Amino acid sequence: MYFRPTVDYPDSWTGHPENAEWFCTEHLPLAEGLTDLSALEAIDQIRAQLTQDKA
C-alpha cells in the first residue's frame, strides 16, 4: 500500500520507497483510508487502534 510520500526521489533512484508498506490480510483493512497520511503516521494510527481494541 502506498501512503503520502515524504521524500522526493531523483529519477535514477532505486530501492524501496519510504511510503510503501506491506500489510497482512488481518491488518490491511486498518490501513485502508489512511493513504493521505505518511506511512509513519498511518502506522502510528494503526498501532493506536490495535491498542484501543485490546483494552
C-alpha atoms as a PDB file:
ATOM      1  CA  MET A   1       0.000   0.000   0.000  1.00  0.00           C
ATOM      2  CA  TYR A   2       1.296   3.459  -0.842  1.00  0.00           C
ATOM      3  CA  PHE A   3       0.946   6.378   1.548  1.00  0.00           C
ATOM      4  CA  ARG A   4       1.648  10.088   1.123  1.00  0.00           C
ATOM      5  CA  PRO A   5       5.280  10.437   0.026  1.00  0.00           C
ATOM      6  CA  THR A   6       7.587  12.434   2.287  1.00  0.00           C
ATOM      7  CA  VAL A   7      10.728  12.234   0.129  1.00  0.00           C
ATOM      8  CA  ASP A   8      11.323  13.359  -3.453  1.00  0.00           C
ATOM      9  CA  TYR A   9      13.439  10.766  -5.227  1.00  0.00           C
ATOM     10  CA  PRO A  10      15.562  11.515  -8.310  1.00  0.00           C
ATOM     11  CA  ASP A  11      14.616   9.650 -11.483  1.00  0.00           C
ATOM     12  CA  SER A  12      17.744   7.493 -11.164  1.00  0.00           C
ATOM     13  CA  TRP A  13      16.885   6.341  -7.615  1.00  0.00           C
ATOM     14  CA  THR A  14      16.250   2.639  -6.964  1.00  0.00           C
ATOM     15  CA  GLY A  15      15.087   0.908  -3.817  1.00  0.00           C
ATOM     16  CA  HIS A  16      12.103   0.660  -1.510  1.00  0.00           C
ATOM     17  CA  PRO A  17      10.285   3.994  -1.159  1.00  0.00           C
ATOM     18  CA  GLU A  18       9.586   5.197   2.360  1.00  0.00           C
ATOM     19  CA  ASN A  19       5.867   5.498   1.644  1.00  0.00           C
ATOM     20  CA  ALA A  20       5.276   1.869   0.583  1.00  0.00           C
ATOM     21  CA  GLU A  21       4.308  -0.703   3.219  1.00  0.00           C
ATOM     22  CA  TRP A  22       3.110  -4.296   3.189  1.00  0.00           C
ATOM     23  CA  PHE A  23       0.175  -5.425   5.336  1.00  0.00           C
ATOM     24  CA  CYS A  24      -1.170  -8.868   6.065  1.00  0.00           C
ATOM     25  CA  THR A  25      -4.837  -9.554   5.330  1.00  0.00           C
ATOM     26  CA  GLU A  26      -5.669  -9.064   9.017  1.00  0.00           C
ATOM     27  CA  HIS A  27      -4.241  -5.547   9.193  1.00  0.00           C
ATOM     28  CA  LEU A  28      -4.910  -4.323   5.656  1.00  0.00           C
ATOM     29  CA  PRO A  29      -8.424  -3.063   6.497  1.00  0.00           C
ATOM     30  CA  LEU A  30      -6.935  -0.883   9.239  1.00  0.00           C
ATOM     31  CA  ALA A  31      -4.627   0.790   6.698  1.00  0.00           C
ATOM     32  CA  GLU A  32      -7.269   1.464   4.070  1.00  0.00           C
ATOM     33  CA  GLY A  33      -8.386   5.065   4.117  1.00  0.00           C
ATOM     34  CA  LEU A  34      -5.108   6.287   5.623  1.00  0.00           C
ATOM     35  CA  THR A  35      -3.230   6.861   2.350  1.00  0.00           C
ATOM     36  CA  ASP A  36      -3.415  10.645   2.804  1.00  0.00           C
ATOM     37  CA  LEU A  37      -1.041  10.213   5.786  1.00  0.00           C
ATOM     38  CA  SER A  38       2.654   9.419   5.680  1.00  0.00           C
ATOM     39  CA  ALA A  39       3.493   5.761   6.276  1.00  0.00           C
ATOM     40  CA  LEU A  40       4.785   6.558   9.775  1.00  0.00           C
ATOM     41  CA  GLU A  41       1.622   8.499  10.664  1.00  0.00           C
ATOM     42  CA  ALA A  42      -0.572   5.681   9.343  1.00  0.00           C
ATOM     43  CA  ILE A  43       1.328   3.008  11.277  1.00  0.00           C
ATOM     44  CA  ASP A  44       1.039   5.105  14.448  1.00  0.00           C
ATOM     45  CA  GLN A  45      -2.741   5.297  13.959  1.00  0.00           C
ATOM     46  CA  ILE A  46      -2.982   1.565  13.258  1.00  0.00           C
ATOM     47  CA  ARG A  47      -0.997   0.750  16.411  1.00  0.00           C
ATOM     48  CA  ALA A  48      -3.207   3.081  18.455  1.00  0.00           C
ATOM     49  CA  GLN A  49      -6.330   1.379  17.064  1.00  0.00           C
ATOM     50  CA  LEU A  50      -4.952  -2.084  17.867  1.00  0.00           C
ATOM     51  CA  THR A  51      -4.072  -0.984  21.411  1.00  0.00           C
ATOM     52  CA  GLN A  52      -7.529   0.522  21.869  1.00  0.00           C
ATOM     53  CA  ASP A  53      -9.208  -2.644  20.561  1.00  0.00           C
ATOM     54  CA  LYS A  54      -7.342  -4.754  23.152  1.00  0.00           C
ATOM     55  CA  ALA A  55      -8.469  -2.507  26.046  1.00  0.00           C
END
